[in-house]
Amino acid sequence: MGKYNFSAIRVRQTALQAQIAGKIPYTPVWTDIIRDIPPSQILVRSQPQQHQLVRQRVKTVPGESKPRTVFEVQEKRLKPKKASRMFLPVEIKYEEDQLRKEFFQDHPWELARPRILVEKTGKDFSQYDWSRIQQPGKRLDGESVVQRQLWLLNNVPDITKSAAYDIARQEFYRLRLQEDIERRVAAEEAEATGATFGPSALEWGMKFENEQFEAWKEWAKAEAQGLANRTSANALAAGISELPGTEDNAEAEEDRIAEPA
């Protein structure tokens, strides 16, 4: 039937015919199993199931004294796929993916900070309590803001995403400012006790910039001097060719050469 290959479905029938024809001395042991549990006859492949995004929220329900946890299912808008991508594995998304994207769009330089990706047990997250943004054994970074915002959304009644984002950012900025102050105080204390530090990154940058500027000045002087020399040479050549009597002297010299000896 065209491009369809039914060899796998007819494997038992082929083995029995081969045994009858004498090509194999005995019937394979798996023929009875194939008879009891035949292979699938469905040739149409179904598309993979789409996973829905489930969000946890704590909301105040009218008529109840205490807020309760509500699970919301966000329906995905199915986009038409190309035939070559129709049966690819379904992309799995989590709620914090969007929160992480928004944070690093607002703070792109946080991606330039070094991060430690190696974990001790592979389950370090189980020891974190995101009721506060600072965790023991974990550096403060953008992921702390994302997890703190997600914890607020999952546990604070009737809080919006923007409000949780503002709370997490405020705590993040306060701790970052505290880290900067501690770093400056530690450097001042070290200098007071005799420590010496090399040039800072800004000082190194200014040094390289000054070196390039001085090199450019020398190049500019040489170019200006060369341009001035060329200009004066062109002006001198033009002035000599325009001296009075130059053409008459040239004609007289030509006549003297043309006279017979």
C-alpha atoms as a PDB file:
ATOM      1  CA  MET A   1       0.000   0.000   0.000  1.00  0.00           C
ATOM      2  CA  GLY A   2       2.252   2.703  -1.253  1.00  0.00           C
ATOM      3  CA  LYS A   3       4.576   4.113   1.378  1.00  0.00           C
ATOM      4  CA  TYR A   4       3.152   2.037   4.263  1.00  0.00           C
ATOM      5  CA  ASN A   5       5.235  -0.941   5.397  1.00  0.00           C
ATOM      6  CA  PHE A   6       3.249  -3.726   7.090  1.00  0.00           C
ATOM      7  CA  SER A   7       6.200  -6.069   7.652  1.00  0.00           C
ATOM      8  CA  ALA A   8       6.153  -5.546  11.428  1.00  0.00           C
ATOM      9  CA  ILE A   9       2.422  -6.256  11.667  1.00  0.00           C
ATOM     10  CA  ARG A  10       2.726  -9.471   9.586  1.00  0.00           C
ATOM     11  CA  VAL A  11       5.796 -10.821  11.395  1.00  0.00           C
ATOM     12  CA  ARG A  12       3.892 -13.802  12.910  1.00  0.00           C
ATOM     13  CA  GLN A  13       2.353 -14.718   9.584  1.00  0.00           C
ATOM     14  CA  THR A  14       5.780 -14.529   7.910  1.00  0.00           C
ATOM     15  CA  ALA A  15       7.360 -16.743  10.582  1.00  0.00           C
ATOM     16  CA  LEU A  16       4.633 -19.413  10.239  1.00  0.00           C
ATOM     17  CA  GLN A  17       4.950 -19.473   6.452  1.00  0.00           C
ATOM     18  CA  ALA A  18       8.720 -19.741   6.723  1.00  0.00           C
ATOM     19  CA  GLN A  19       8.368 -22.732   9.090  1.00  0.00           C
ATOM     20  CA  ILE A  20       5.884 -24.437   6.748  1.00  0.00           C
ATOM     21  CA  ALA A  21       8.181 -23.860   3.777  1.00  0.00           C
ATOM     22  CA  GLY A  22      11.089 -25.409   5.679  1.00  0.00           C
ATOM     23  CA  LYS A  23      13.206 -22.286   5.836  1.00  0.00           C
ATOM     24  CA  ILE A  24      13.378 -22.489   9.643  1.00  0.00           C
ATOM     25  CA  PRO A  25      13.404 -25.803  11.549  1.00  0.00           C
ATOM     26  CA  TYR A  26      10.917 -24.843  14.270  1.00  0.00           C
ATOM     27  CA  THR A  27       8.276 -22.275  15.109  1.00  0.00           C
ATOM     28  CA  PRO A  28       9.660 -19.282  17.088  1.00  0.00           C
ATOM     29  CA  VAL A  29       8.612 -19.162  20.718  1.00  0.00           C
ATOM     30  CA  TRP A  30       7.196 -15.695  20.384  1.00  0.00           C
ATOM     31  CA  THR A  31       4.528 -16.563  17.814  1.00  0.00           C
ATOM     32  CA  ASP A  32       1.970 -17.447  20.513  1.00  0.00           C
ATOM     33  CA  ILE A  33       2.707 -14.166  22.329  1.00  0.00           C
ATOM     34  CA  ILE A  34       2.185 -12.173  19.129  1.00  0.00           C
ATOM     35  CA  ARG A  35      -1.098 -14.054  18.647  1.00  0.00           C
ATOM     36  CA  ASP A  36      -2.320 -13.165  22.135  1.00  0.00           C
ATOM     37  CA  ILE A  37      -0.973  -9.582  22.125  1.00  0.00           C
ATOM     38  CA  PRO A  38      -0.915  -8.464  18.502  1.00  0.00           C
ATOM     39  CA  PRO A  39       0.865  -5.230  17.482  1.00  0.00           C
ATOM     40  CA  SER A  40      -1.093  -2.055  17.108  1.00  0.00           C
ATOM     41  CA  GLN A  41      -3.134  -1.667  13.953  1.00  0.00           C
ATOM     42  CA  ILE A  42      -3.483   2.142  14.274  1.00  0.00           C
ATOM     43  CA  LEU A  43      -1.387   3.885  11.627  1.00  0.00           C
ATOM     44  CA  VAL A  44      -2.467   7.448  12.416  1.00  0.00           C
ATOM     45  CA  ARG A  45      -0.236   9.188  14.955  1.00  0.00           C
ATOM     46  CA  SER A  46      -1.991  11.471  17.395  1.00  0.00           C
ATOM     47  CA  GLN A  47      -0.582  14.834  18.432  1.00  0.00           C
ATOM     48  CA  PRO A  48       0.974  15.121  21.908  1.00  0.00           C
ATOM     49  CA  GLN A  49      -1.262  16.423  24.656  1.00  0.00           C
ATOM     50  CA  GLN A  50      -0.931  20.102  25.428  1.00  0.00           C
ATOM     51  CA  HIS A  51      -0.010  20.884  29.041  1.00  0.00           C
ATOM     52  CA  GLN A  52      -1.909  23.663  30.729  1.00  0.00           C
ATOM     53  CA  LEU A  53      -0.324  26.225  33.038  1.00  0.00           C
ATOM     54  CA  VAL A  54      -1.666  25.823  36.579  1.00  0.00           C
ATOM     55  CA  ARG A  55      -1.328  28.765  38.985  1.00  0.00           C
ATOM     56  CA  GLN A  56      -1.861  28.699  42.733  1.00  0.00           C
ATOM     57  CA  ARG A  57      -3.543  31.709  44.343  1.00  0.00           C
ATOM     58  CA  VAL A  58      -4.996  32.531  47.741  1.00  0.00           C
ATOM     59  CA  LYS A  59      -8.285  34.405  47.348  1.00  0.00           C
ATOM     60  CA  THR A  60     -11.016  35.650  49.584  1.00  0.00           C
ATOM     61  CA  VAL A  61     -14.258  33.924  48.632  1.00  0.00           C
ATOM     62  CA  PRO A  62     -17.506  35.768  49.431  1.00  0.00           C
ATOM     63  CA  GLY A  63     -19.371  34.112  52.272  1.00  0.00           C
ATOM     64  CA  GLU A  64     -16.295  32.499  53.815  1.00  0.00           C
ATOM     65  CA  SER A  65     -14.382  33.850  56.816  1.00  0.00           C
ATOM     66  CA  LYS A  66     -10.927  32.696  55.726  1.00  0.00           C
ATOM     67  CA  PRO A  67      -9.192  32.911  52.349  1.00  0.00           C
ATOM     68  CA  ARG A  68      -8.690  29.624  50.596  1.00  0.00           C
ATOM     69  CA  THR A  69      -6.226  28.297  48.046  1.00  0.00           C
ATOM     70  CA  VAL A  70      -7.511  28.304  44.483  1.00  0.00           C
ATOM     71  CA  PHE A  71      -5.848  26.619  41.511  1.00  0.00           C
ATOM     72  CA  GLU A  72      -6.344  28.449  38.235  1.00  0.00           C
ATOM     73  CA  VAL A  73      -5.791  26.808  34.873  1.00  0.00           C
ATOM     74  CA  GLN A  74      -4.574  29.132  32.185  1.00  0.00           C
ATOM     75  CA  GLU A  75      -5.718  27.981  28.779  1.00  0.00           C
ATOM     76  CA  LYS A  76      -3.029  28.074  26.115  1.00  0.00           C
ATOM     77  CA  ARG A  77      -3.771  29.510  22.738  1.00  0.00           C
ATOM     78  CA  LEU A  78      -2.948  26.748  20.290  1.00  0.00           C
ATOM     79  CA  LYS A  79      -0.872  28.009  17.392  1.00  0.00           C
ATOM     80  CA  PRO A  80      -0.777  26.235  14.050  1.00  0.00           C
ATOM     81  CA  LYS A  81       2.437  24.272  13.643  1.00  0.00           C
ATOM     82  CA  LYS A  82       4.391  23.279  10.614  1.00  0.00           C
ATOM     83  CA  ALA A  83       4.118  19.682   9.498  1.00  0.00           C
ATOM     84  CA  SER A  84       7.770  19.090  10.410  1.00  0.00           C
ATOM     85  CA  ARG A  85       7.198  20.300  13.985  1.00  0.00           C
ATOM     86  CA  MET A  86       3.810  18.752  14.625  1.00  0.00           C
ATOM     87  CA  PHE A  87       5.023  15.745  16.636  1.00  0.00           C
ATOM     88  CA  LEU A  88       7.884  17.369  18.545  1.00  0.00           C
ATOM     89  CA  PRO A  89       7.794  17.093  22.349  1.00  0.00           C
ATOM     90  CA  VAL A  90       5.510  19.604  24.006  1.00  0.00           C
ATOM     91  CA  GLU A  91       7.241  22.626  25.502  1.00  0.00           C
ATOM     92  CA  ILE A  92       6.832  22.666  29.275  1.00  0.00           C
ATOM     93  CA  LYS A  93       6.400  26.088  30.859  1.00  0.00           C
ATOM     94  CA  TYR A  94       6.124  27.206  34.454  1.00  0.00           C
ATOM     95  CA  GLU A  95       4.696  30.348  35.963  1.00  0.00           C
ATOM     96  CA  GLU A  96       8.097  31.608  37.116  1.00  0.00           C
ATOM     97  CA  ASP A  97       9.361  31.591  33.514  1.00  0.00           C
ATOM     98  CA  GLN A  98       7.358  34.741  32.745  1.00  0.00           C
ATOM     99  CA  LEU A  99       8.349  36.336  36.076  1.00  0.00           C
ATOM    100  CA  ARG A 100      12.009  35.633  35.326  1.00  0.00           C
ATOM    101  CA  LYS A 101      11.706  37.115  31.847  1.00  0.00           C
ATOM    102  CA  GLU A 102      10.145  40.334  33.156  1.00  0.00           C
ATOM    103  CA  PHE A 103      12.766  40.780  35.884  1.00  0.00           C
ATOM    104  CA  PHE A 104      15.781  40.361  33.597  1.00  0.00           C
ATOM    105  CA  GLN A 105      14.224  42.659  31.016  1.00  0.00           C
ATOM    106  CA  ASP A 106      14.107  45.366  33.694  1.00  0.00           C
ATOM    107  CA  HIS A 107      17.550  44.462  35.119  1.00  0.00           C
ATOM    108  CA  PRO A 108      19.729  43.229  32.191  1.00  0.00           C
ATOM    109  CA  TRP A 109      22.997  43.855  34.056  1.00  0.00           C
ATOM    110  CA  GLU A 110      22.048  41.235  36.635  1.00  0.00           C
ATOM    111  CA  LEU A 111      22.897  38.647  33.973  1.00  0.00           C
ATOM    112  CA  ALA A 112      26.497  39.932  33.979  1.00  0.00           C
ATOM    113  CA  ARG A 113      27.018  39.023  37.627  1.00  0.00           C
ATOM    114  CA  PRO A 114      28.773  35.683  38.228  1.00  0.00           C
ATOM    115  CA  ARG A 115      26.524  32.895  39.459  1.00  0.00           C
ATOM    116  CA  ILE A 116      27.185  29.561  41.130  1.00  0.00           C
ATOM    117  CA  LEU A 117      25.303  26.792  39.343  1.00  0.00           C
ATOM    118  CA  VAL A 118      26.789  23.826  41.195  1.00  0.00           C
ATOM    119  CA  GLU A 119      24.611  22.500  44.022  1.00  0.00           C
ATOM    120  CA  LYS A 120      25.742  20.309  46.877  1.00  0.00           C
ATOM    121  CA  THR A 121      22.995  17.703  46.748  1.00  0.00           C
ATOM    122  CA  GLY A 122      20.988  18.697  43.695  1.00  0.00           C
ATOM    123  CA  LYS A 123      18.032  19.470  45.980  1.00  0.00           C
ATOM    124  CA  ASP A 124      19.245  22.681  47.602  1.00  0.00           C
ATOM    125  CA  PHE A 125      15.914  24.298  46.755  1.00  0.00           C
ATOM    126  CA  SER A 126      14.172  22.085  49.321  1.00  0.00           C
ATOM    127  CA  GLN A 127      16.063  23.877  52.108  1.00  0.00           C
ATOM    128  CA  TYR A 128      14.981  27.375  51.056  1.00  0.00           C
ATOM    129  CA  ASP A 129      12.136  29.252  52.714  1.00  0.00           C
ATOM    130  CA  TRP A 130      10.981  32.013  50.414  1.00  0.00           C
ATOM    131  CA  SER A 131       8.927  33.724  53.093  1.00  0.00           C
ATOM    132  CA  ARG A 132      12.050  35.933  53.114  1.00  0.00           C
ATOM    133  CA  ILE A 133      14.238  36.807  50.173  1.00  0.00           C
ATOM    134  CA  GLN A 134      17.617  36.123  51.772  1.00  0.00           C
ATOM    135  CA  GLN A 135      18.517  32.443  52.077  1.00  0.00           C
ATOM    136  CA  PRO A 136      21.439  30.859  53.954  1.00  0.00           C
ATOM    137  CA  GLY A 137      23.995  29.386  51.585  1.00  0.00           C
ATOM    138  CA  LYS A 138      22.614  31.177  48.516  1.00  0.00           C
ATOM    139  CA  ARG A 139      23.853  34.377  46.947  1.00  0.00           C
ATOM    140  CA  LEU A 140      21.366  37.159  46.397  1.00  0.00           C
ATOM    141  CA  ASP A 141      20.548  37.367  42.696  1.00  0.00           C
ATOM    142  CA  GLY A 142      17.679  37.745  40.257  1.00  0.00           C
ATOM    143  CA  GLU A 143      16.422  34.235  40.931  1.00  0.00           C
ATOM    144  CA  SER A 144      15.836  35.255  44.560  1.00  0.00           C
ATOM    145  CA  VAL A 145      13.473  37.990  43.366  1.00  0.00           C
ATOM    146  CA  VAL A 146      11.613  35.556  41.097  1.00  0.00           C
ATOM    147  CA  GLN A 147      11.125  32.934  43.816  1.00  0.00           C
ATOM    148  CA  ARG A 148      10.159  35.543  46.389  1.00  0.00           C
ATOM    149  CA  GLN A 149       7.550  37.011  44.027  1.00  0.00           C
ATOM    150  CA  LEU A 150       6.166  33.557  43.286  1.00  0.00           C
ATOM    151  CA  TRP A 151       5.903  32.797  47.016  1.00  0.00           C
ATOM    152  CA  LEU A 152       3.978  36.024  47.571  1.00  0.00           C
ATOM    153  CA  LEU A 153       1.591  35.184  44.730  1.00  0.00           C
ATOM    154  CA  ASN A 154       0.984  31.696  46.107  1.00  0.00           C
ATOM    155  CA  ASN A 155       0.545  32.630  49.772  1.00  0.00           C
ATOM    156  CA  VAL A 156      -0.642  36.246  50.191  1.00  0.00           C
ATOM    157  CA  PRO A 157      -4.416  36.650  49.776  1.00  0.00           C
ATOM    158  CA  ASP A 158      -5.643  38.747  46.854  1.00  0.00           C
ATOM    159  CA  ILE A 159      -2.214  40.087  45.875  1.00  0.00           C
ATOM    160  CA  THR A 160      -1.528  41.125  42.309  1.00  0.00           C
ATOM    161  CA  LYS A 161       1.535  40.282  40.279  1.00  0.00           C
ATOM    162  CA  SER A 162       2.707  43.896  40.149  1.00  0.00           C
ATOM    163  CA  ALA A 163       2.324  44.312  43.921  1.00  0.00           C
ATOM    164  CA  ALA A 164       4.307  41.130  44.595  1.00  0.00           C
ATOM    165  CA  TYR A 165       6.950  42.318  42.129  1.00  0.00           C
ATOM    166  CA  ASP A 166       7.265  45.670  43.912  1.00  0.00           C
ATOM    167  CA  ILE A 167       7.642  43.995  47.312  1.00  0.00           C
ATOM    168  CA  ALA A 168      10.305  41.578  46.065  1.00  0.00           C
ATOM    169  CA  ARG A 169      12.230  44.350  44.277  1.00  0.00           C
ATOM    170  CA  GLN A 170      12.144  46.608  47.341  1.00  0.00           C
ATOM    171  CA  GLU A 171      13.627  43.849  49.500  1.00  0.00           C
ATOM    172  CA  PHE A 172      16.199  43.083  46.792  1.00  0.00           C
ATOM    173  CA  TYR A 173      17.315  46.728  46.464  1.00  0.00           C
ATOM    174  CA  ARG A 174      17.636  47.117  50.226  1.00  0.00           C
ATOM    175  CA  LEU A 175      19.870  44.055  50.548  1.00  0.00           C
ATOM    176  CA  ARG A 176      21.954  45.059  47.517  1.00  0.00           C
ATOM    177  CA  LEU A 177      22.525  48.490  49.042  1.00  0.00           C
ATOM    178  CA  GLN A 178      23.522  46.840  52.312  1.00  0.00           C
ATOM    179  CA  GLU A 179      26.035  44.653  50.439  1.00  0.00           C
ATOM    180  CA  ASP A 180      27.569  47.692  48.749  1.00  0.00           C
ATOM    181  CA  ILE A 181      27.927  49.525  52.061  1.00  0.00           C
ATOM    182  CA  GLU A 182      29.532  46.483  53.692  1.00  0.00           C
ATOM    183  CA  ARG A 183      31.955  46.180  50.778  1.00  0.00           C
ATOM    184  CA  ARG A 184      33.012  49.844  50.987  1.00  0.00           C
ATOM    185  CA  VAL A 185      33.375  49.712  54.770  1.00  0.00           C
ATOM    186  CA  ALA A 186      35.505  46.558  54.532  1.00  0.00           C
ATOM    187  CA  ALA A 187      37.785  48.228  51.961  1.00  0.00           C
ATOM    188  CA  GLU A 188      38.167  51.359  54.138  1.00  0.00           C
ATOM    189  CA  GLU A 189      38.964  49.261  57.209  1.00  0.00           C
ATOM    190  CA  ALA A 190      41.558  47.291  55.256  1.00  0.00           C
ATOM    191  CA  GLU A 191      43.198  50.492  53.978  1.00  0.00           C
ATOM    192  CA  ALA A 192      43.241  51.915  57.516  1.00  0.00           C
ATOM    193  CA  THR A 193      45.229  48.885  58.701  1.00  0.00           C
ATOM    194  CA  GLY A 194      47.816  49.175  55.908  1.00  0.00           C
ATOM    195  CA  ALA A 195      46.313  47.192  53.036  1.00  0.00           C
ATOM    196  CA  THR A 196      46.917  48.475  49.532  1.00  0.00           C
ATOM    197  CA  PHE A 197      44.646  47.814  46.590  1.00  0.00           C
ATOM    198  CA  GLY A 198      45.532  48.054  42.945  1.00  0.00           C
ATOM    199  CA  PRO A 199      43.842  50.391  40.508  1.00  0.00           C
ATOM    200  CA  SER A 200      40.129  49.960  40.194  1.00  0.00           C
ATOM    201  CA  ALA A 201      38.397  49.027  36.970  1.00  0.00           C
ATOM    202  CA  LEU A 202      37.529  52.688  36.381  1.00  0.00           C
ATOM    203  CA  GLU A 203      41.153  53.757  36.864  1.00  0.00           C
ATOM    204  CA  TRP A 204      42.377  51.065  34.469  1.00  0.00           C
ATOM    205  CA  GLY A 205      39.841  52.225  31.913  1.00  0.00           C
ATOM    206  CA  MET A 206      40.936  55.870  32.234  1.00  0.00           C
ATOM    207  CA  LYS A 207      44.582  54.831  31.860  1.00  0.00           C
ATOM    208  CA  PHE A 208      43.930  52.951  28.616  1.00  0.00           C
ATOM    209  CA  GLU A 209      41.797  55.816  27.332  1.00  0.00           C
ATOM    210  CA  ASN A 210      44.574  58.367  28.046  1.00  0.00           C
ATOM    211  CA  GLU A 211      47.139  56.174  26.258  1.00  0.00           C
ATOM    212  CA  GLN A 212      44.953  55.950  23.190  1.00  0.00           C
ATOM    213  CA  PHE A 213      44.292  59.689  23.293  1.00  0.00           C
ATOM    214  CA  GLU A 214      48.029  60.497  23.424  1.00  0.00           C
ATOM    215  CA  ALA A 215      48.688  58.122  20.522  1.00  0.00           C
ATOM    216  CA  TRP A 216      45.919  59.799  18.556  1.00  0.00           C
ATOM    217  CA  LYS A 217      47.420  63.232  19.274  1.00  0.00           C
ATOM    218  CA  GLU A 218      50.794  62.166  17.838  1.00  0.00           C
ATOM    219  CA  TRP A 219      49.088  60.735  14.778  1.00  0.00           C
ATOM    220  CA  ALA A 220      47.010  63.911  14.335  1.00  0.00           C
ATOM    221  CA  LYS A 221      50.138  66.113  14.575  1.00  0.00           C
ATOM    222  CA  ALA A 222      51.922  64.034  11.927  1.00  0.00           C
ATOM    223  CA  GLU A 223      48.903  64.159   9.629  1.00  0.00           C
ATOM    224  CA  ALA A 224      48.531  67.921  10.087  1.00  0.00           C
ATOM    225  CA  GLN A 225      52.254  68.493   9.401  1.00  0.00           C
ATOM    226  CA  GLY A 226      52.103  66.349   6.273  1.00  0.00           C
ATOM    227  CA  LEU A 227      49.026  68.217   5.034  1.00  0.00           C
ATOM    228  CA  ALA A 228      50.723  71.576   5.670  1.00  0.00           C
ATOM    229  CA  ASN A 229      53.859  70.460   3.774  1.00  0.00           C
ATOM    230  CA  ARG A 230      51.816  69.299   0.803  1.00  0.00           C
ATOM    231  CA  THR A 231      49.832  72.515   0.765  1.00  0.00           C
ATOM    232  CA  SER A 232      52.965  74.700   0.868  1.00  0.00           C
ATOM    233  CA  ALA A 233      54.634  72.607  -1.857  1.00  0.00           C
ATOM    234  CA  ASN A 234      51.606  72.948  -4.126  1.00  0.00           C
ATOM    235  CA  ALA A 235      51.454  76.690  -3.469  1.00  0.00           C
ATOM    236  CA  LEU A 236      55.179  77.087  -4.227  1.00  0.00           C
ATOM    237  CA  ALA A 237      54.872  75.136  -7.473  1.00  0.00           C
ATOM    238  CA  ALA A 238      51.906  77.235  -8.527  1.00  0.00           C
ATOM    239  CA  GLY A 239      53.776  80.457  -7.686  1.00  0.00           C
ATOM    240  CA  ILE A 240      56.867  79.535  -9.724  1.00  0.00           C
ATOM    241  CA  SER A 241      54.810  78.717 -12.804  1.00  0.00           C
ATOM    242  CA  GLU A 242      53.087  82.085 -12.615  1.00  0.00           C
ATOM    243  CA  LEU A 243      56.249  84.296 -12.286  1.00  0.00           C
ATOM    244  CA  PRO A 244      56.320  87.265 -14.820  1.00  0.00           C
ATOM    245  CA  GLY A 245      58.512  86.753 -17.904  1.00  0.00           C
ATOM    246  CA  THR A 246      58.708  83.055 -17.528  1.00  0.00           C
ATOM    247  CA  GLU A 247      56.894  82.369 -20.810  1.00  0.00           C
ATOM    248  CA  ASP A 248      59.024  84.933 -22.785  1.00  0.00           C
ATOM    249  CA  ASN A 249      62.262  83.386 -21.534  1.00  0.00           C
ATOM    250  CA  ALA A 250      61.027  79.971 -22.554  1.00  0.00           C
ATOM    251  CA  GLU A 251      60.173  81.210 -26.103  1.00  0.00           C
ATOM    252  CA  ALA A 252      63.599  82.858 -26.478  1.00  0.00           C
ATOM    253  CA  GLU A 253      65.344  79.683 -25.419  1.00  0.00           C
ATOM    254  CA  GLU A 254      63.331  77.725 -27.996  1.00  0.00           C
ATOM    255  CA  ASP A 255      64.277  80.237 -30.770  1.00  0.00           C
ATOM    256  CA  ARG A 256      67.980  80.036 -29.835  1.00  0.00           C
ATOM    257  CA  ILE A 257      67.896  76.274 -30.061  1.00  0.00           C
ATOM    258  CA  ALA A 258      66.075  76.392 -33.402  1.00  0.00           C
ATOM    259  CA  GLU A 259      68.690  78.760 -35.060  1.00  0.00           C
ATOM    260  CA  PRO A 260      71.222  77.018 -37.332  1.00  0.00           C
ATOM    261  CA  ALA A 261      74.791  76.957 -36.150  1.00  0.00           C
END
